[in-house]
Amino acid sequence: FVYESGREPKVRELVKKAEILEILKEIRQSKKNYLLFGRY
């Protein structure tokens, strides 16, 4: 996601606005959290 954000500014805007990197960090090792991220 960081790489794609670096390649394309519009992707970076989405990743920042949707807080995707922060959410990915919060998954840790939780199956439930990853499934929720997938639905998000």
Full PDB file with SEQRES, HELIX, SHEET, SSBOND, CRYST1, ORIGX, SCALE, CONECT and MASTER records, all heavy atoms in Angstrom:
SEQRES   1 A   40  PHE VAL TYR GLU SER GLY ARG GLU PRO LYS VAL ARG GLU          
SEQRES   2 A   40  LEU VAL LYS LYS ALA GLU ILE LEU GLU ILE LEU LYS GLU          
SEQRES   3 A   40  ILE ARG GLN SER LYS LYS ASN TYR LEU LEU PHE GLY ARG          
SEQRES   4 A   40  TYR                                                          
HELIX    1 AA1 VAL A    2  ARG A    7  1                                   6    
HELIX    2 AA2 PRO A    9  LYS A   17  1                                   9    
HELIX    3 AA3 ILE A   20  ILE A   27  1                                   8    
HELIX    4 AA4 LYS A   31  ARG A   39  1                                   9    
CRYST1    1.000    1.000    1.000  90.00  90.00  90.00 P 1           1          
ORIGX1      1.000000  0.000000  0.000000        0.00000                         
ORIGX2      0.000000  1.000000  0.000000        0.00000                         
ORIGX3      0.000000  0.000000  1.000000        0.00000                         
SCALE1      1.000000  0.000000  0.000000        0.00000                         
SCALE2      0.000000  1.000000  0.000000        0.00000                         
SCALE3      0.000000  0.000000  1.000000        0.00000                         
ATOM      1  N   PHE A   1       0.839  -1.197   0.000  1.00  0.00           N  
ATOM      2  CA  PHE A   1       0.000   0.000   0.000  1.00  0.00           C  
ATOM      3  C   PHE A   1       0.879   1.255   0.000  1.00  0.00           C  
ATOM      4  O   PHE A   1       0.572   2.227  -0.690  1.00  0.00           O  
ATOM      5  CB  PHE A   1      -0.951   0.008   1.197  1.00  0.00           C  
ATOM      6  CG  PHE A   1      -2.241  -0.719   0.954  1.00  0.00           C  
ATOM      7  CD1 PHE A   1      -2.309  -2.098   1.023  1.00  0.00           C  
ATOM      8  CD2 PHE A   1      -3.397  -0.017   0.644  1.00  0.00           C  
ATOM      9  CE1 PHE A   1      -3.496  -2.771   0.785  1.00  0.00           C  
ATOM     10  CE2 PHE A   1      -4.596  -0.681   0.406  1.00  0.00           C  
ATOM     11  CZ  PHE A   1      -4.644  -2.060   0.479  1.00  0.00           C  
ATOM     12  N   VAL A   2       1.974   1.224   0.744  1.00  0.00           N  
ATOM     13  CA  VAL A   2       2.904   2.355   0.751  1.00  0.00           C  
ATOM     14  C   VAL A   2       3.499   2.530  -0.648  1.00  0.00           C  
ATOM     15  O   VAL A   2       3.573   3.649  -1.171  1.00  0.00           O  
ATOM     16  CB  VAL A   2       4.020   2.151   1.808  1.00  0.00           C  
ATOM     17  CG1 VAL A   2       5.144   3.170   1.634  1.00  0.00           C  
ATOM     18  CG2 VAL A   2       3.439   2.230   3.212  1.00  0.00           C  
ATOM     19  N   TYR A   3       3.907   1.436  -1.266  1.00  0.00           N  
ATOM     20  CA  TYR A   3       4.491   1.490  -2.607  1.00  0.00           C  
ATOM     21  C   TYR A   3       3.495   2.061  -3.613  1.00  0.00           C  
ATOM     22  O   TYR A   3       3.831   2.965  -4.390  1.00  0.00           O  
ATOM     23  CB  TYR A   3       4.942   0.094  -3.036  1.00  0.00           C  
ATOM     24  CG  TYR A   3       5.434   0.045  -4.466  1.00  0.00           C  
ATOM     25  CD1 TYR A   3       6.672   0.571  -4.817  1.00  0.00           C  
ATOM     26  CD2 TYR A   3       4.645  -0.511  -5.470  1.00  0.00           C  
ATOM     27  CE1 TYR A   3       7.113   0.544  -6.130  1.00  0.00           C  
ATOM     28  CE2 TYR A   3       5.080  -0.543  -6.788  1.00  0.00           C  
ATOM     29  CZ  TYR A   3       6.316  -0.010  -7.104  1.00  0.00           C  
ATOM     30  OH  TYR A   3       6.740  -0.031  -8.405  1.00  0.00           O  
ATOM     31  N   GLU A   4       2.278   1.537  -3.605  1.00  0.00           N  
ATOM     32  CA  GLU A   4       1.260   2.033  -4.540  1.00  0.00           C  
ATOM     33  C   GLU A   4       0.952   3.499  -4.285  1.00  0.00           C  
ATOM     34  O   GLU A   4       0.693   4.265  -5.210  1.00  0.00           O  
ATOM     35  CB  GLU A   4      -0.014   1.188  -4.454  1.00  0.00           C  
ATOM     36  CG  GLU A   4       0.160  -0.253  -4.915  1.00  0.00           C  
ATOM     37  CD  GLU A   4       0.595  -0.398  -6.366  1.00  0.00           C  
ATOM     38  OE1 GLU A   4       0.211   0.433  -7.210  1.00  0.00           O  
ATOM     39  OE2 GLU A   4       1.328  -1.366  -6.663  1.00  0.00           O  
ATOM     40  N   SER A   5       0.998   3.913  -3.033  1.00  0.00           N  
ATOM     41  CA  SER A   5       0.783   5.321  -2.676  1.00  0.00           C  
ATOM     42  C   SER A   5       1.899   6.198  -3.225  1.00  0.00           C  
ATOM     43  O   SER A   5       1.660   7.333  -3.636  1.00  0.00           O  
ATOM     44  CB  SER A   5       0.712   5.489  -1.160  1.00  0.00           C  
ATOM     45  OG  SER A   5      -0.417   4.841  -0.641  1.00  0.00           O  
ATOM     46  N   GLY A   6       3.120   5.678  -3.206  1.00  0.00           N  
ATOM     47  CA  GLY A   6       4.243   6.423  -3.745  1.00  0.00           C  
ATOM     48  C   GLY A   6       4.199   6.545  -5.258  1.00  0.00           C  
ATOM     49  O   GLY A   6       4.675   7.523  -5.834  1.00  0.00           O  
ATOM     50  N   ARG A   7       3.627   5.558  -5.906  1.00  0.00           N  
ATOM     51  CA  ARG A   7       3.530   5.558  -7.372  1.00  0.00           C  
ATOM     52  C   ARG A   7       2.450   6.497  -7.884  1.00  0.00           C  
ATOM     53  O   ARG A   7       2.580   7.063  -8.955  1.00  0.00           O  
ATOM     54  CB  ARG A   7       3.204   4.145  -7.879  1.00  0.00           C  
ATOM     55  CG  ARG A   7       4.347   3.183  -7.811  1.00  0.00           C  
ATOM     56  CD  ARG A   7       3.983   1.844  -8.426  1.00  0.00           C  
ATOM     57  NE  ARG A   7       3.720   2.033  -9.847  1.00  0.00           N  
ATOM     58  CZ  ARG A   7       2.794   1.367 -10.532  1.00  0.00           C  
ATOM     59  NH1 ARG A   7       2.042   0.474  -9.943  1.00  0.00           N  
ATOM     60  NH2 ARG A   7       2.612   1.583 -11.807  1.00  0.00           N  
ATOM     61  N   GLU A   8       1.365   6.589  -7.125  1.00  0.00           N  
ATOM     62  CA  GLU A   8       0.193   7.310  -7.623  1.00  0.00           C  
ATOM     63  C   GLU A   8      -0.390   8.214  -6.530  1.00  0.00           C  
ATOM     64  O   GLU A   8      -0.914   7.724  -5.530  1.00  0.00           O  
ATOM     65  CB  GLU A   8      -0.858   6.307  -8.091  1.00  0.00           C  
ATOM     66  CG  GLU A   8      -2.143   6.904  -8.577  1.00  0.00           C  
ATOM     67  CD  GLU A   8      -1.941   7.928  -9.692  1.00  0.00           C  
ATOM     68  OE1 GLU A   8      -1.351   7.576 -10.733  1.00  0.00           O  
ATOM     69  OE2 GLU A   8      -2.372   9.078  -9.504  1.00  0.00           O  
ATOM     70  N   PRO A   9      -0.306   9.525  -6.714  1.00  0.00           N  
ATOM     71  CA  PRO A   9      -0.820  10.454  -5.698  1.00  0.00           C  
ATOM     72  C   PRO A   9      -2.300  10.240  -5.350  1.00  0.00           C  
ATOM     73  O   PRO A   9      -2.694  10.438  -4.200  1.00  0.00           O  
ATOM     74  CB  PRO A   9      -0.609  11.834  -6.335  1.00  0.00           C  
ATOM     75  CG  PRO A   9       0.499  11.634  -7.314  1.00  0.00           C  
ATOM     76  CD  PRO A   9       0.342  10.221  -7.825  1.00  0.00           C  
ATOM     77  N   LYS A  10      -3.110   9.823  -6.310  1.00  0.00           N  
ATOM     78  CA  LYS A  10      -4.533   9.604  -6.018  1.00  0.00           C  
ATOM     79  C   LYS A  10      -4.730   8.418  -5.085  1.00  0.00           C  
ATOM     80  O   LYS A  10      -5.638   8.423  -4.245  1.00  0.00           O  
ATOM     81  CB  LYS A  10      -5.315   9.406  -7.308  1.00  0.00           C  
ATOM     82  CG  LYS A  10      -5.372  10.655  -8.160  1.00  0.00           C  
ATOM     83  CD  LYS A  10      -6.021  10.365  -9.479  1.00  0.00           C  
ATOM     84  CE  LYS A  10      -5.835  11.503 -10.451  1.00  0.00           C  
ATOM     85  NZ  LYS A  10      -6.285  11.150 -11.787  1.00  0.00           N  
ATOM     86  N   VAL A  11      -3.883   7.407  -5.222  1.00  0.00           N  
ATOM     87  CA  VAL A  11      -3.939   6.266  -4.294  1.00  0.00           C  
ATOM     88  C   VAL A  11      -3.504   6.734  -2.912  1.00  0.00           C  
ATOM     89  O   VAL A  11      -4.113   6.377  -1.904  1.00  0.00           O  
ATOM     90  CB  VAL A  11      -3.064   5.092  -4.801  1.00  0.00           C  
ATOM     91  CG1 VAL A  11      -2.964   3.997  -3.745  1.00  0.00           C  
ATOM     92  CG2 VAL A  11      -3.613   4.539  -6.108  1.00  0.00           C  
ATOM     93  N   ARG A  12      -2.470   7.565  -2.870  1.00  0.00           N  
ATOM     94  CA  ARG A  12      -1.992   8.095  -1.589  1.00  0.00           C  
ATOM     95  C   ARG A  12      -3.110   8.854  -0.870  1.00  0.00           C  
ATOM     96  O   ARG A  12      -3.278   8.724   0.340  1.00  0.00           O  
ATOM     97  CB  ARG A  12      -0.807   9.028  -1.800  1.00  0.00           C  
ATOM     98  CG  ARG A  12      -0.298   9.638  -0.491  1.00  0.00           C  
ATOM     99  CD  ARG A  12       0.804  10.617  -0.732  1.00  0.00           C  
ATOM    100  NE  ARG A  12       1.907   9.915  -1.358  1.00  0.00           N  
ATOM    101  CZ  ARG A  12       3.168  10.078  -1.029  1.00  0.00           C  
ATOM    102  NH1 ARG A  12       3.498  10.942  -0.103  1.00  0.00           N  
ATOM    103  NH2 ARG A  12       4.103   9.400  -1.637  1.00  0.00           N  
ATOM    104  N   GLU A  13      -3.875   9.640  -1.617  1.00  0.00           N  
ATOM    105  CA  GLU A  13      -4.981  10.381  -1.006  1.00  0.00           C  
ATOM    106  C   GLU A  13      -5.985   9.436  -0.364  1.00  0.00           C  
ATOM    107  O   GLU A  13      -6.447   9.673   0.752  1.00  0.00           O  
ATOM    108  CB  GLU A  13      -5.683  11.250  -2.056  1.00  0.00           C  
ATOM    109  CG  GLU A  13      -4.864  12.419  -2.539  1.00  0.00           C  
ATOM    110  CD  GLU A  13      -5.512  13.176  -3.699  1.00  0.00           C  
ATOM    111  OE1 GLU A  13      -6.694  12.901  -4.007  1.00  0.00           O  
ATOM    112  OE2 GLU A  13      -4.833  14.018  -4.287  1.00  0.00           O  
ATOM    113  N   LEU A  14      -6.322   8.354  -1.058  1.00  0.00           N  
ATOM    114  CA  LEU A  14      -7.255   7.386  -0.489  1.00  0.00           C  
ATOM    115  C   LEU A  14      -6.664   6.721   0.747  1.00  0.00           C  
ATOM    116  O   LEU A  14      -7.336   6.612   1.783  1.00  0.00           O  
ATOM    117  CB  LEU A  14      -7.627   6.293  -1.501  1.00  0.00           C  
ATOM    118  CG  LEU A  14      -8.414   5.132  -0.875  1.00  0.00           C  
ATOM    119  CD1 LEU A  14      -9.846   5.551  -0.587  1.00  0.00           C  
ATOM    120  CD2 LEU A  14      -8.365   3.903  -1.745  1.00  0.00           C  
ATOM    121  N   VAL A  15      -5.430   6.273   0.660  1.00  0.00           N  
ATOM    122  CA  VAL A  15      -4.791   5.577   1.776  1.00  0.00           C  
ATOM    123  C   VAL A  15      -4.760   6.471   3.013  1.00  0.00           C  
ATOM    124  O   VAL A  15      -5.047   6.015   4.121  1.00  0.00           O  
ATOM    125  CB  VAL A  15      -3.373   5.088   1.376  1.00  0.00           C  
ATOM    126  CG1 VAL A  15      -2.569   4.638   2.582  1.00  0.00           C  
ATOM    127  CG2 VAL A  15      -3.493   3.954   0.351  1.00  0.00           C  
ATOM    128  N   LYS A  16      -4.484   7.751   2.812  1.00  0.00           N  
ATOM    129  CA  LYS A  16      -4.466   8.681   3.947  1.00  0.00           C  
ATOM    130  C   LYS A  16      -5.875   8.946   4.479  1.00  0.00           C  
ATOM    131  O   LYS A  16      -6.129   8.868   5.667  1.00  0.00           O  
ATOM    132  CB  LYS A  16      -3.806  10.008   3.551  1.00  0.00           C  
ATOM    133  CG  LYS A  16      -2.318   9.921   3.481  1.00  0.00           C  
ATOM    134  CD  LYS A  16      -1.720  11.288   3.218  1.00  0.00           C  
ATOM    135  CE  LYS A  16      -0.226  11.191   3.359  1.00  0.00           C  
ATOM    136  NZ  LYS A  16       0.353  12.437   3.793  1.00  0.00           N  
ATOM    137  N   LYS A  17      -6.783   9.274   3.569  1.00  0.00           N  
ATOM    138  CA  LYS A  17      -8.146   9.631   3.981  1.00  0.00           C  
ATOM    139  C   LYS A  17      -8.836   8.462   4.675  1.00  0.00           C  
ATOM    140  O   LYS A  17      -9.561   8.645   5.654  1.00  0.00           O  
ATOM    141  CB  LYS A  17      -8.957  10.080   2.760  1.00  0.00           C  
ATOM    142  CG  LYS A  17     -10.335  10.584   3.060  1.00  0.00           C  
ATOM    143  CD  LYS A  17     -10.358  11.813   3.902  1.00  0.00           C  
ATOM    144  CE  LYS A  17      -9.776  13.012   3.216  1.00  0.00           C  
ATOM    145  NZ  LYS A  17      -9.712  14.189   4.104  1.00  0.00           N  
ATOM    146  N   ALA A  18      -8.623   7.251   4.174  1.00  0.00           N  
ATOM    147  CA  ALA A  18      -9.279   6.062   4.734  1.00  0.00           C  
ATOM    148  C   ALA A  18      -8.487   5.450   5.890  1.00  0.00           C  
ATOM    149  O   ALA A  18      -8.927   4.446   6.456  1.00  0.00           O  
ATOM    150  CB  ALA A  18      -9.483   5.030   3.627  1.00  0.00           C  
ATOM    151  N   GLU A  19      -7.334   6.037   6.208  1.00  0.00           N  
ATOM    152  CA  GLU A  19      -6.483   5.572   7.318  1.00  0.00           C  
ATOM    153  C   GLU A  19      -6.087   4.098   7.162  1.00  0.00           C  
ATOM    154  O   GLU A  19      -5.991   3.360   8.131  1.00  0.00           O  
ATOM    155  CB  GLU A  19      -7.166   5.798   8.666  1.00  0.00           C  
ATOM    156  CG  GLU A  19      -7.502   7.235   8.960  1.00  0.00           C  
ATOM    157  CD  GLU A  19      -8.169   7.428  10.292  1.00  0.00           C  
ATOM    158  OE1 GLU A  19      -9.353   7.038  10.417  1.00  0.00           O  
ATOM    159  OE2 GLU A  19      -7.512   7.955  11.204  1.00  0.00           O  
ATOM    160  N   ILE A  20      -5.833   3.690   5.944  1.00  0.00           N  
ATOM    161  CA  ILE A  20      -5.562   2.282   5.659  1.00  0.00           C  
ATOM    162  C   ILE A  20      -4.290   1.795   6.361  1.00  0.00           C  
ATOM    163  O   ILE A  20      -4.293   0.704   6.951  1.00  0.00           O  
ATOM    164  CB  ILE A  20      -5.516   2.033   4.144  1.00  0.00           C  
ATOM    165  CG1 ILE A  20      -6.933   2.201   3.568  1.00  0.00           C  
ATOM    166  CG2 ILE A  20      -4.948   0.654   3.822  1.00  0.00           C  
ATOM    167  CD1 ILE A  20      -7.019   2.176   2.065  1.00  0.00           C  
ATOM    168  N   LEU A  21      -3.221   2.559   6.313  1.00  0.00           N  
ATOM    169  CA  LEU A  21      -1.976   2.102   6.949  1.00  0.00           C  
ATOM    170  C   LEU A  21      -2.144   1.949   8.458  1.00  0.00           C  
ATOM    171  O   LEU A  21      -1.655   0.973   9.048  1.00  0.00           O  
ATOM    172  CB  LEU A  21      -0.827   3.069   6.632  1.00  0.00           C  
ATOM    173  CG  LEU A  21      -0.453   3.185   5.159  1.00  0.00           C  
ATOM    174  CD1 LEU A  21       0.661   4.203   4.968  1.00  0.00           C  
ATOM    175  CD2 LEU A  21      -0.072   1.835   4.573  1.00  0.00           C  
ATOM    176  N   GLU A  22      -2.849   2.880   9.072  1.00  0.00           N  
ATOM    177  CA  GLU A  22      -3.074   2.793  10.510  1.00  0.00           C  
ATOM    178  C   GLU A  22      -3.922   1.571  10.861  1.00  0.00           C  
ATOM    179  O   GLU A  22      -3.656   0.876  11.850  1.00  0.00           O  
ATOM    180  CB  GLU A  22      -3.753   4.068  11.023  1.00  0.00           C  
ATOM    181  CG  GLU A  22      -2.900   5.320  10.920  1.00  0.00           C  
ATOM    182  CD  GLU A  22      -2.879   5.970   9.531  1.00  0.00           C  
ATOM    183  OE1 GLU A  22      -3.537   5.468   8.605  1.00  0.00           O  
ATOM    184  OE2 GLU A  22      -2.185   6.979   9.373  1.00  0.00           O  
ATOM    185  N   ILE A  23      -4.934   1.320  10.052  1.00  0.00           N  
ATOM    186  CA  ILE A  23      -5.804   0.163  10.300  1.00  0.00           C  
ATOM    187  C   ILE A  23      -5.023  -1.133  10.125  1.00  0.00           C  
ATOM    188  O   ILE A  23      -5.163  -2.063  10.926  1.00  0.00           O  
ATOM    189  CB  ILE A  23      -7.050   0.214   9.394  1.00  0.00           C  
ATOM    190  CG1 ILE A  23      -7.937   1.395   9.800  1.00  0.00           C  
ATOM    191  CG2 ILE A  23      -7.830  -1.100   9.459  1.00  0.00           C  
ATOM    192  CD1 ILE A  23      -9.044   1.733   8.822  1.00  0.00           C  
ATOM    193  N   LEU A  24      -4.175  -1.189   9.110  1.00  0.00           N  
ATOM    194  CA  LEU A  24      -3.352  -2.393   8.918  1.00  0.00           C  
ATOM    195  C   LEU A  24      -2.452  -2.642  10.125  1.00  0.00           C  
ATOM    196  O   LEU A  24      -2.269  -3.785  10.541  1.00  0.00           O  
ATOM    197  CB  LEU A  24      -2.518  -2.273   7.644  1.00  0.00           C  
ATOM    198  CG  LEU A  24      -3.252  -2.573   6.348  1.00  0.00           C  
ATOM    199  CD1 LEU A  24      -2.421  -2.146   5.138  1.00  0.00           C  
ATOM    200  CD2 LEU A  24      -3.632  -4.043   6.247  1.00  0.00           C  
ATOM    201  N   LYS A  25      -1.907  -1.584  10.711  1.00  0.00           N  
ATOM    202  CA  LYS A  25      -1.074  -1.735  11.912  1.00  0.00           C  
ATOM    203  C   LYS A  25      -1.890  -2.290  13.077  1.00  0.00           C  
ATOM    204  O   LYS A  25      -1.386  -3.053  13.898  1.00  0.00           O  
ATOM    205  CB  LYS A  25      -0.469  -0.395  12.327  1.00  0.00           C  
ATOM    206  CG  LYS A  25       0.672   0.056  11.475  1.00  0.00           C  
ATOM    207  CD  LYS A  25       1.187   1.380  12.014  1.00  0.00           C  
ATOM    208  CE  LYS A  25       2.197   2.004  11.087  1.00  0.00           C  
ATOM    209  NZ  LYS A  25       2.674   3.299  11.596  1.00  0.00           N  
ATOM    210  N   GLU A  26      -3.142  -1.879  13.157  1.00  0.00           N  
ATOM    211  CA  GLU A  26      -3.990  -2.275  14.288  1.00  0.00           C  
ATOM    212  C   GLU A  26      -4.478  -3.722  14.194  1.00  0.00           C  
ATOM    213  O   GLU A  26      -4.999  -4.256  15.169  1.00  0.00           O  
ATOM    214  CB  GLU A  26      -5.186  -1.333  14.388  1.00  0.00           C  
ATOM    215  CG  GLU A  26      -4.795   0.082  14.780  1.00  0.00           C  
ATOM    216  CD  GLU A  26      -5.957   1.062  14.715  1.00  0.00           C  
ATOM    217  OE1 GLU A  26      -7.057   0.694  14.253  1.00  0.00           O  
ATOM    218  OE2 GLU A  26      -5.758   2.219  15.125  1.00  0.00           O  
ATOM    219  N   ILE A  27      -4.319  -4.348  13.054  1.00  0.00           N  
ATOM    220  CA  ILE A  27      -4.779  -5.739  12.902  1.00  0.00           C  
ATOM    221  C   ILE A  27      -4.021  -6.652  13.840  1.00  0.00           C  
ATOM    222  O   ILE A  27      -4.584  -7.572  14.421  1.00  0.00           O  
ATOM    223  CB  ILE A  27      -4.632  -6.211  11.428  1.00  0.00           C  
ATOM    224  CG1 ILE A  27      -5.654  -5.472  10.576  1.00  0.00           C  
ATOM    225  CG2 ILE A  27      -4.787  -7.728  11.321  1.00  0.00           C  
ATOM    226  CD1 ILE A  27      -5.464  -5.663   9.082  1.00  0.00           C  
ATOM    227  N   ARG A  28      -2.725  -6.378  13.971  1.00  0.00           N  
ATOM    228  CA  ARG A  28      -1.816  -7.223  14.747  1.00  0.00           C  
ATOM    229  C   ARG A  28      -1.968  -8.673  14.287  1.00  0.00           C  
ATOM    230  O   ARG A  28      -1.770  -8.948  13.118  1.00  0.00           O  
ATOM    231  CB  ARG A  28      -2.034  -7.020  16.221  1.00  0.00           C  
ATOM    232  CG  ARG A  28      -1.730  -5.584  16.613  1.00  0.00           C  
ATOM    233  CD  ARG A  28      -1.421  -5.375  18.038  1.00  0.00           C  
ATOM    234  NE  ARG A  28      -0.900  -4.062  18.338  1.00  0.00           N  
ATOM    235  CZ  ARG A  28      -1.498  -2.914  18.123  1.00  0.00           C  
ATOM    236  NH1 ARG A  28      -2.663  -2.865  17.573  1.00  0.00           N  
ATOM    237  NH2 ARG A  28      -0.928  -1.781  18.468  1.00  0.00           N  
ATOM    238  N   GLN A  29      -2.326  -9.573  15.127  1.00  0.00           N  
ATOM    239  CA  GLN A  29      -2.471 -10.979  14.716  1.00  0.00           C  
ATOM    240  C   GLN A  29      -3.920 -11.444  14.812  1.00  0.00           C  
ATOM    241  O   GLN A  29      -4.179 -12.642  14.901  1.00  0.00           O  
ATOM    242  CB  GLN A  29      -1.574 -11.865  15.576  1.00  0.00           C  
ATOM    243  CG  GLN A  29      -0.098 -11.610  15.331  1.00  0.00           C  
ATOM    244  CD  GLN A  29       0.765 -12.475  16.198  1.00  0.00           C  
ATOM    245  OE1 GLN A  29       0.652 -12.449  17.425  1.00  0.00           O  
ATOM    246  NE2 GLN A  29       1.622 -13.253  15.569  1.00  0.00           N  
ATOM    247  N   SER A  30      -4.851 -10.521  14.759  1.00  0.00           N  
ATOM    248  CA  SER A  30      -6.252 -10.843  14.963  1.00  0.00           C  
ATOM    249  C   SER A  30      -6.962 -11.215  13.654  1.00  0.00           C  
ATOM    250  O   SER A  30      -7.046 -10.403  12.729  1.00  0.00           O  
ATOM    251  CB  SER A  30      -6.961  -9.656  15.607  1.00  0.00           C  
ATOM    252  OG  SER A  30      -8.354  -9.834  15.602  1.00  0.00           O  
ATOM    253  N   LYS A  31      -7.492 -12.409  13.620  1.00  0.00           N  
ATOM    254  CA  LYS A  31      -8.274 -12.852  12.466  1.00  0.00           C  
ATOM    255  C   LYS A  31      -9.490 -11.942  12.290  1.00  0.00           C  
ATOM    256  O   LYS A  31      -9.783 -11.496  11.179  1.00  0.00           O  
ATOM    257  CB  LYS A  31      -8.729 -14.296  12.673  1.00  0.00           C  
ATOM    258  CG  LYS A  31      -9.646 -14.818  11.583  1.00  0.00           C  
ATOM    259  CD  LYS A  31     -10.072 -16.259  11.858  1.00  0.00           C  
ATOM    260  CE  LYS A  31     -10.989 -16.786  10.778  1.00  0.00           C  
ATOM    261  NZ  LYS A  31     -11.339 -18.208  11.002  1.00  0.00           N  
ATOM    262  N   LYS A  32     -10.167 -11.660  13.376  1.00  0.00           N  
ATOM    263  CA  LYS A  32     -11.364 -10.817  13.336  1.00  0.00           C  
ATOM    264  C   LYS A  32     -11.045  -9.442  12.742  1.00  0.00           C  
ATOM    265  O   LYS A  32     -11.786  -8.931  11.909  1.00  0.00           O  
ATOM    266  CB  LYS A  32     -11.933 -10.674  14.751  1.00  0.00           C  
ATOM    267  CG  LYS A  32     -13.133  -9.778  14.849  1.00  0.00           C  
ATOM    268  CD  LYS A  32     -13.590  -9.636  16.295  1.00  0.00           C  
ATOM    269  CE  LYS A  32     -14.648  -8.561  16.410  1.00  0.00           C  
ATOM    270  NZ  LYS A  32     -14.947  -8.216  17.784  1.00  0.00           N  
ATOM    271  N   ASN A  33      -9.938  -8.847  13.171  1.00  0.00           N  
ATOM    272  CA  ASN A  33      -9.560  -7.528  12.664  1.00  0.00           C  
ATOM    273  C   ASN A  33      -9.240  -7.566  11.173  1.00  0.00           C  
ATOM    274  O   ASN A  33      -9.589  -6.647  10.440  1.00  0.00           O  
ATOM    275  CB  ASN A  33      -8.374  -6.970  13.441  1.00  0.00           C  
ATOM    276  CG  ASN A  33      -8.734  -6.538  14.844  1.00  0.00           C  
ATOM    277  OD1 ASN A  33      -9.908  -6.490  15.214  1.00  0.00           O  
ATOM    278  ND2 ASN A  33      -7.726  -6.235  15.648  1.00  0.00           N  
ATOM    279  N   TYR A  34      -8.583  -8.633  10.715  1.00  0.00           N  
ATOM    280  CA  TYR A  34      -8.274  -8.698   9.286  1.00  0.00           C  
ATOM    281  C   TYR A  34      -9.546  -8.865   8.462  1.00  0.00           C  
ATOM    282  O   TYR A  34      -9.694  -8.235   7.412  1.00  0.00           O  
ATOM    283  CB  TYR A  34      -7.268  -9.802   8.932  1.00  0.00           C  
ATOM    284  CG  TYR A  34      -6.830  -9.612   7.501  1.00  0.00           C  
ATOM    285  CD1 TYR A  34      -5.835  -8.703   7.201  1.00  0.00           C  
ATOM    286  CD2 TYR A  34      -7.498 -10.234   6.446  1.00  0.00           C  
ATOM    287  CE1 TYR A  34      -5.483  -8.437   5.885  1.00  0.00           C  
ATOM    288  CE2 TYR A  34      -7.160  -9.971   5.136  1.00  0.00           C  
ATOM    289  CZ  TYR A  34      -6.149  -9.071   4.864  1.00  0.00           C  
ATOM    290  OH  TYR A  34      -5.830  -8.786   3.565  1.00  0.00           O  
ATOM    291  N   LEU A  35     -10.450  -9.705   8.931  1.00  0.00           N  
ATOM    292  CA  LEU A  35     -11.707  -9.890   8.202  1.00  0.00           C  
ATOM    293  C   LEU A  35     -12.481  -8.577   8.121  1.00  0.00           C  
ATOM    294  O   LEU A  35     -13.064  -8.246   7.078  1.00  0.00           O  
ATOM    295  CB  LEU A  35     -12.541 -10.996   8.846  1.00  0.00           C  
ATOM    296  CG  LEU A  35     -11.912 -12.393   8.806  1.00  0.00           C  
ATOM    297  CD1 LEU A  35     -12.786 -13.389   9.562  1.00  0.00           C  
ATOM    298  CD2 LEU A  35     -11.654 -12.856   7.383  1.00  0.00           C  
ATOM    299  N   LEU A  36     -12.455  -7.822   9.189  1.00  0.00           N  
ATOM    300  CA  LEU A  36     -13.104  -6.514   9.206  1.00  0.00           C  
ATOM    301  C   LEU A  36     -12.422  -5.572   8.210  1.00  0.00           C  
ATOM    302  O   LEU A  36     -13.098  -4.853   7.458  1.00  0.00           O  
ATOM    303  CB  LEU A  36     -13.069  -5.926  10.618  1.00  0.00           C  
ATOM    304  CG  LEU A  36     -13.710  -4.562  10.820  1.00  0.00           C  
ATOM    305  CD1 LEU A  36     -15.193  -4.594  10.466  1.00  0.00           C  
ATOM    306  CD2 LEU A  36     -13.522  -4.113  12.266  1.00  0.00           C  
ATOM    307  N   PHE A  37     -11.104  -5.592   8.158  1.00  0.00           N  
ATOM    308  CA  PHE A  37     -10.374  -4.769   7.199  1.00  0.00           C  
ATOM    309  C   PHE A  37     -10.761  -5.144   5.763  1.00  0.00           C  
ATOM    310  O   PHE A  37     -10.964  -4.272   4.922  1.00  0.00           O  
ATOM    311  CB  PHE A  37      -8.859  -4.919   7.392  1.00  0.00           C  
ATOM    312  CG  PHE A  37      -8.063  -4.257   6.313  1.00  0.00           C  
ATOM    313  CD1 PHE A  37      -7.999  -2.872   6.222  1.00  0.00           C  
ATOM    314  CD2 PHE A  37      -7.390  -5.011   5.362  1.00  0.00           C  
ATOM    315  CE1 PHE A  37      -7.271  -2.254   5.208  1.00  0.00           C  
ATOM    316  CE2 PHE A  37      -6.665  -4.405   4.352  1.00  0.00           C  
ATOM    317  CZ  PHE A  37      -6.606  -3.026   4.272  1.00  0.00           C  
ATOM    318  N   GLY A  38     -10.896  -6.432   5.493  1.00  0.00           N  
ATOM    319  CA  GLY A  38     -11.306  -6.867   4.159  1.00  0.00           C  
ATOM    320  C   GLY A  38     -12.669  -6.318   3.776  1.00  0.00           C  
ATOM    321  O   GLY A  38     -12.874  -5.855   2.650  1.00  0.00           O  
ATOM    322  N   ARG A  39     -13.595  -6.331   4.697  1.00  0.00           N  
ATOM    323  CA  ARG A  39     -14.928  -5.783   4.423  1.00  0.00           C  
ATOM    324  C   ARG A  39     -14.873  -4.262   4.248  1.00  0.00           C  
ATOM    325  O   ARG A  39     -15.597  -3.691   3.425  1.00  0.00           O  
ATOM    326  CB  ARG A  39     -15.902  -6.183   5.528  1.00  0.00           C  
ATOM    327  CG  ARG A  39     -16.213  -7.683   5.491  1.00  0.00           C  
ATOM    328  CD  ARG A  39     -17.387  -8.065   6.348  1.00  0.00           C  
ATOM    329  NE  ARG A  39     -17.249  -7.716   7.751  1.00  0.00           N  
ATOM    330  CZ  ARG A  39     -16.688  -8.474   8.681  1.00  0.00           C  
ATOM    331  NH1 ARG A  39     -16.198  -9.648   8.368  1.00  0.00           N  
ATOM    332  NH2 ARG A  39     -16.634  -8.074   9.928  1.00  0.00           N  
ATOM    333  N   TYR A  40     -13.999  -3.614   5.000  1.00  0.00           N  
ATOM    334  CA  TYR A  40     -13.806  -2.165   4.861  1.00  0.00           C  
ATOM    335  C   TYR A  40     -13.304  -1.839   3.456  1.00  0.00           C  
ATOM    336  O   TYR A  40     -13.798  -0.910   2.807  1.00  0.00           O  
ATOM    337  CB  TYR A  40     -12.815  -1.696   5.930  1.00  0.00           C  
ATOM    338  CG  TYR A  40     -12.500  -0.220   5.922  1.00  0.00           C  
ATOM    339  CD1 TYR A  40     -13.497   0.738   6.082  1.00  0.00           C  
ATOM    340  CD2 TYR A  40     -11.185   0.216   5.801  1.00  0.00           C  
ATOM    341  CE1 TYR A  40     -13.203   2.098   6.114  1.00  0.00           C  
ATOM    342  CE2 TYR A  40     -10.876   1.576   5.833  1.00  0.00           C  
ATOM    343  CZ  TYR A  40     -11.887   2.505   5.984  1.00  0.00           C  
ATOM    344  OH  TYR A  40     -11.591   3.846   6.015  1.00  0.00           O  
TER     345      TYR A  40                                                      
MASTER        0    0    0    4    0    0    0    6  344    1    0    4          
END                                                                             
